[in-house]
Protein backbone atom coordinates (compact mmCIF):
# COMPACT_ATOMS: atom_id res chain seq x y z
CA UNK A 1 -27.52 10.93 -3.87
CA UNK A 2 -29.99 12.33 -1.33
CA UNK A 3 -31.30 10.58 1.74
CA UNK A 4 -29.63 7.75 3.68
CA UNK A 5 -27.36 5.48 1.68
CA UNK A 6 -25.56 2.17 1.94
CA UNK A 7 -21.99 1.92 0.68
CA UNK A 8 -20.29 -1.35 -0.24
CA UNK A 9 -16.53 -1.72 -0.56
CA UNK A 10 -15.16 -4.99 -1.90
CA UNK A 11 -12.17 -5.59 0.36
CA UNK A 12 -11.29 -8.94 -1.19
CA UNK A 13 -12.68 -10.75 -4.23
CA UNK A 14 -10.46 -13.84 -4.23
CA UNK A 15 -10.81 -17.45 -3.21
CA UNK A 16 -8.92 -19.14 -0.37
CA UNK A 17 -5.54 -19.10 -2.14
CA UNK A 18 -5.74 -15.46 -3.14
CA UNK A 19 -4.53 -14.36 -6.57
CA UNK A 20 -1.69 -14.48 -7.53
CA UNK A 21 -1.49 -18.04 -6.28
CA UNK A 22 1.81 -18.89 -4.64
CA UNK A 23 4.17 -20.52 -7.15
CA UNK A 24 1.84 -20.00 -10.11
CA UNK A 25 2.99 -18.21 -13.24
CA UNK A 26 -0.18 -18.39 -15.33
CA UNK A 27 -1.34 -15.38 -17.32
CA UNK A 28 -3.68 -14.20 -14.54
CA UNK A 29 -1.19 -14.63 -11.71
CA UNK A 30 1.41 -12.78 -13.81
CA UNK A 31 -1.03 -10.07 -14.90
CA UNK A 32 -0.35 -6.37 -14.36
CA UNK A 33 -4.09 -5.60 -14.34
CA UNK A 34 -4.96 -4.72 -10.69
CA UNK A 35 -8.39 -6.34 -11.12
CA UNK A 36 -6.61 -9.70 -11.42
CA UNK A 37 -4.99 -9.23 -7.99
CA UNK A 38 -7.42 -10.71 -5.47
CA UNK A 39 -7.08 -10.83 -1.70
CA UNK A 40 -9.24 -13.18 0.35
CA UNK A 41 -12.99 -12.58 0.26
CA UNK A 42 -14.55 -9.84 2.42
CA UNK A 43 -16.60 -6.65 2.15
CA UNK A 44 -17.19 -3.51 4.19
CA UNK A 45 -20.68 -2.02 4.52
CA UNK A 46 -21.20 1.58 5.63
CA UNK A 47 -24.35 3.37 6.71
CA UNK A 48 -25.22 6.11 9.20
CA UNK A 49 -21.53 6.71 9.86
CA UNK A 50 -20.99 3.09 10.90
CA UNK A 51 -18.62 0.57 9.32
CA UNK A 52 -19.66 -3.08 9.33
CA UNK A 53 -17.16 -5.74 8.27
CA UNK A 54 -18.29 -9.06 6.82
CA UNK A 55 -15.63 -11.65 7.69
CA UNK A 56 -12.11 -11.05 8.95
CA UNK A 57 -10.31 -12.42 5.91
CA UNK A 58 -6.73 -13.64 6.06
CA UNK A 59 -5.65 -10.44 4.29
CA UNK A 60 -7.69 -8.04 6.46
CA UNK A 61 -4.69 -5.98 7.60
CA UNK A 62 -3.59 -5.44 4.01
CA UNK A 63 -7.15 -4.57 2.97
CA UNK A 64 -7.61 -2.09 5.83
CA UNK A 65 -4.34 -0.34 4.99
CA UNK A 66 -5.26 -0.16 1.31
CA UNK A 67 -8.71 1.32 2.00
CA UNK A 68 -7.66 3.54 4.90
CA UNK A 69 -10.01 1.84 7.36
CA UNK A 70 -9.62 3.34 10.84
CA UNK A 71 -12.94 2.27 12.35
CA UNK A 72 -14.82 -1.03 12.65
CA UNK A 73 -18.16 -0.88 14.46
CA UNK A 74 -19.31 -4.48 14.01
CA UNK A 75 -18.34 -7.76 12.37
CA UNK A 76 -20.63 -10.29 10.71
CA UNK A 77 -19.21 -13.78 10.16
CA UNK A 78 -20.45 -16.00 7.35
CA UNK A 79 -18.68 -19.19 8.46
CA UNK A 80 -15.44 -20.26 10.11
CA UNK A 81 -13.20 -21.37 7.23
CA UNK A 82 -9.64 -20.10 7.51
CA UNK A 83 -9.74 -17.61 4.64
CA UNK A 84 -12.75 -15.89 6.21
CA UNK A 85 -11.64 -15.66 9.85
CA UNK A 86 -7.86 -15.76 10.16
CA UNK A 87 -7.54 -11.98 10.10
CA UNK A 88 -9.49 -11.73 13.35
CA UNK A 89 -6.48 -10.76 15.47
CA UNK A 90 -6.10 -7.50 13.54
CA UNK A 91 -9.34 -6.28 15.09
CA UNK A 92 -7.34 -5.63 18.26
CA UNK A 93 -5.99 -2.36 16.83
CA UNK A 94 -9.51 -0.98 16.66
CA UNK A 95 -10.51 -2.11 20.14
CA UNK A 96 -7.29 -0.81 21.68
CA UNK A 97 -7.91 2.59 20.10
CA UNK A 98 -11.50 2.93 21.31
CA UNK A 99 -11.46 0.82 24.45
CA UNK A 100 -14.78 -0.67 23.36
CA UNK A 101 -15.65 -4.22 22.41
CA UNK A 102 -16.73 -4.77 18.81
CA UNK A 103 -20.12 -6.49 18.42
CA UNK A 104 -19.56 -9.73 16.48
CA UNK A 105 -22.41 -11.74 14.95
CA UNK A 106 -22.46 -15.38 13.83
CA UNK A 107 -24.55 -18.50 14.24
CA UNK A 108 -23.94 -20.81 17.18
CA UNK A 109 -21.77 -23.28 15.29
CA UNK A 110 -19.48 -20.55 13.98
CA UNK A 111 -19.19 -18.92 17.40
CA UNK A 112 -18.21 -22.27 18.92
CA UNK A 113 -15.66 -22.81 16.18
CA UNK A 114 -14.17 -19.33 16.65
CA UNK A 115 -13.87 -19.89 20.39
CA UNK A 116 -12.02 -23.12 19.68
CA UNK A 117 -9.69 -21.62 17.10
CA UNK A 118 -8.99 -18.40 18.98
CA UNK A 119 -9.36 -19.34 22.62
CA UNK A 120 -7.10 -16.50 23.76
CA UNK A 121 -9.61 -13.95 22.40
CA UNK A 122 -12.62 -15.40 24.19
CA UNK A 123 -11.00 -16.64 27.40
CA UNK A 124 -12.51 -15.09 30.52
CA UNK A 125 -9.62 -16.14 32.74
CA UNK A 126 -6.73 -14.51 30.88
CA UNK A 127 -5.88 -10.83 31.17
CA UNK A 128 -7.13 -8.90 28.12
CA UNK A 129 -3.64 -7.87 26.98
CA UNK A 130 -3.17 -7.27 23.29
CA UNK A 131 -6.12 -9.16 21.91
CA UNK A 132 -9.37 -8.13 20.23
CA UNK A 133 -12.33 -7.43 22.49
CA UNK A 134 -15.47 -8.85 20.93
CA UNK A 135 -19.05 -8.72 22.14
CA UNK A 136 -20.48 -12.03 20.95
CA UNK A 137 -24.00 -12.18 19.52
CA UNK A 138 -25.64 -15.37 18.27
CA UNK A 139 -27.55 -14.96 15.01
CA UNK A 140 -30.90 -16.75 15.17
CA UNK A 141 -32.88 -14.52 12.80
CA UNK A 142 -33.08 -10.91 11.59
CA UNK A 143 -31.59 -8.36 13.99
CA UNK A 144 -31.26 -4.60 14.29
CA UNK A 145 -27.83 -3.09 13.73
CA UNK A 146 -27.34 0.68 13.85
CA UNK A 147 -30.92 1.33 12.81
CA UNK A 148 -31.09 -1.21 9.98
CA UNK A 149 -32.45 -4.74 9.91
CA UNK A 150 -29.81 -7.31 9.01
CA UNK A 151 -31.35 -10.45 7.54
CA UNK A 152 -29.25 -13.64 7.73
CA UNK A 153 -29.54 -15.83 4.63
CA UNK A 154 -29.01 -19.58 5.24
CA UNK A 155 -26.75 -21.10 2.57
CA UNK A 156 -25.53 -24.57 1.68
CA UNK A 157 -21.75 -24.76 1.32
CA UNK A 158 -21.11 -28.24 -0.04
CA UNK A 159 -21.68 -30.61 2.91
CA UNK A 160 -21.60 -27.66 5.30
CA UNK A 161 -23.47 -24.43 5.83
CA UNK A 162 -22.80 -20.71 5.66
CA UNK A 163 -24.69 -17.46 6.23
CA UNK A 164 -25.23 -14.64 3.81
CA UNK A 165 -26.47 -11.25 4.92
CA UNK A 166 -28.96 -8.76 3.52
CA UNK A 167 -29.11 -5.07 4.42
CA UNK A 168 -31.76 -3.06 2.62
CA UNK A 169 -31.78 -4.13 -1.01
CA UNK A 170 -28.21 -5.47 -1.00
CA UNK A 171 -27.31 -9.08 -0.27
CA UNK A 172 -23.90 -10.69 0.17
CA UNK A 173 -23.82 -14.47 -0.24
CA UNK A 174 -20.46 -16.24 -0.49
CA UNK A 175 -19.18 -19.75 0.03
CA UNK A 176 -22.37 -21.36 -1.17
CA UNK A 177 -23.29 -24.08 -3.60
CA UNK A 178 -27.08 -23.97 -3.22
CA UNK A 179 -29.86 -21.93 -1.66
CA UNK A 180 -32.41 -23.59 0.61
CA UNK A 181 -35.97 -22.95 -0.56
CA UNK A 182 -36.62 -20.61 2.37
CA UNK A 183 -33.69 -18.39 1.39
CA UNK A 184 -35.10 -17.56 -2.04
CA UNK A 185 -37.91 -15.67 -0.33
CA UNK A 186 -35.41 -13.62 1.68
CA UNK A 187 -33.68 -12.48 -1.50
CA UNK A 188 -36.64 -11.04 -3.37
CA UNK A 189 -36.56 -7.40 -4.47
CA UNK A 190 -32.79 -6.93 -4.43
CA UNK A 191 -31.03 -4.12 -6.23
CA UNK A 192 -27.54 -5.53 -5.77
CA UNK A 193 -26.39 -9.12 -5.25
CA UNK A 194 -22.80 -10.05 -4.42
CA UNK A 195 -22.48 -13.78 -4.95
CA UNK A 196 -19.95 -16.60 -4.84
CA UNK A 197 -18.84 -17.57 -8.36
CA UNK A 198 -15.64 -19.53 -7.92
CA UNK A 199 -14.73 -20.47 -11.51
CA UNK A 200 -16.17 -21.66 -14.82
CA UNK A 201 -16.00 -25.36 -13.90
CA UNK A 202 -18.37 -26.81 -11.32
CA UNK A 203 -17.26 -27.23 -7.71
CA UNK A 204 -18.97 -29.22 -4.96
CA UNK A 205 -18.90 -26.36 -2.44
CA UNK A 206 -19.22 -23.21 -4.54
CA UNK A 207 -21.39 -21.84 -7.32
CA UNK A 208 -19.72 -21.81 -10.69
CA UNK A 209 -19.99 -18.65 -12.76
CA UNK A 210 -22.90 -19.99 -14.81
CA UNK A 211 -24.71 -21.19 -11.67
CA UNK A 212 -24.31 -17.81 -9.97
CA UNK A 213 -25.60 -16.04 -13.07
CA UNK A 214 -28.61 -18.34 -13.07
CA UNK A 215 -29.37 -17.42 -9.45
CA UNK A 216 -29.18 -13.72 -10.30
CA UNK A 217 -31.41 -14.26 -13.33
CA UNK A 218 -34.00 -16.13 -11.27
CA UNK A 219 -33.98 -13.34 -8.67
CA UNK A 220 -34.16 -10.67 -11.39
CA UNK A 221 -31.42 -8.61 -9.76
CA UNK A 222 -30.51 -5.45 -11.70
CA UNK A 223 -26.82 -5.58 -10.68
CA UNK A 224 -24.80 -8.64 -9.71
CA UNK A 225 -21.16 -8.82 -8.61
CA UNK A 226 -19.42 -12.20 -8.91
CA UNK A 227 -16.84 -12.73 -6.18
CA UNK A 228 -14.65 -15.38 -4.46
CA UNK A 229 -12.85 -15.78 -7.81
CA UNK A 230 -9.96 -18.09 -8.65
CA UNK A 231 -7.09 -17.41 -11.04
CA UNK A 232 -9.16 -19.04 -13.79
CA UNK A 233 -10.84 -15.68 -14.31
CA UNK A 234 -8.93 -13.09 -16.34
CA UNK A 235 -10.84 -9.86 -15.73
CA UNK A 236 -10.23 -8.02 -19.04
CA UNK A 237 -10.59 -11.19 -21.07
CA UNK A 238 -13.71 -12.67 -19.48
CA UNK A 239 -15.66 -9.62 -18.29
CA UNK A 240 -16.90 -8.84 -21.79
CA UNK A 241 -18.64 -12.22 -21.99
CA UNK A 242 -20.92 -11.64 -18.99
CA UNK A 243 -24.64 -10.86 -19.38
CA UNK A 244 -25.91 -7.31 -18.91
CA UNK A 245 -26.09 -6.40 -15.25
CA UNK A 246 -23.48 -8.98 -14.23
CA UNK A 247 -19.82 -8.14 -13.54
CA UNK A 248 -16.79 -9.54 -11.80
CA UNK A 249 -16.03 -7.92 -8.46
CA UNK A 250 -12.54 -6.60 -7.89
CA UNK A 251 -10.59 -5.48 -4.84
CA UNK A 252 -11.31 -1.88 -3.93
CA UNK A 253 -14.54 -1.69 -5.91
CA UNK A 254 -17.24 0.50 -4.36
CA UNK A 255 -20.89 1.19 -4.96
CA UNK A 256 -23.60 3.14 -3.19
CA UNK A 257 -27.34 2.63 -3.20
CA UNK A 258 -30.29 4.21 -1.39
CA UNK A 259 -30.95 2.83 2.05
CA UNK A 260 -34.52 2.04 2.90
CA UNK A 261 -35.98 3.28 6.15
CA UNK A 262 -37.05 0.49 8.50
């Protein structure tokens, strides 16, 4: 591929329990297929030599070791649920190595929640010690990050809210059950969509597989990855039943696409 590019690595494709689920001995949780082993949901985006993490999932340390991640240049938070933020302390290794704070982006409600959950990280009175150093940035609209425009995508997550993110022609939208009308416009012209698709049955706070496929169909996305998957999904069994251009994400999956110039 010539010219600038955007690389996506699926760090985790699982729901809040992860797969295998503790104490479960179903066919998926007992499977030897690595695509049925799912850590908590997160991705890594790379462009221009920079590595941008979306969410510090509970399993972030495990994911970073598996993928050989030695650099994090920024973190984008979608929302403050435990499975998406509880790996935040493992960012300290990166800040201790460089001595620099990592720019972290989230909306005001998520920033307030993070400061409440992890007061020791954000406290101005305590000595830095062994804690992550984060440079907090409130997301109020599109922003420039390492030469690219990052577009936040408002999402409805059951009775709550979440943020998706678009960089170039790739969008990542997880923990969502509906798209506000304004967000449809922000998702036009995508090449790749990574979308929440919890399970086959409906759920009040997440798209089901059929609902996620319908979103991709309406957006006319050439390639769609379904993520945030439960142990209801058996990769080799169910992948063959998906429409053309739609696939289940799996941990460690990568793809690269051309990056548009701003």
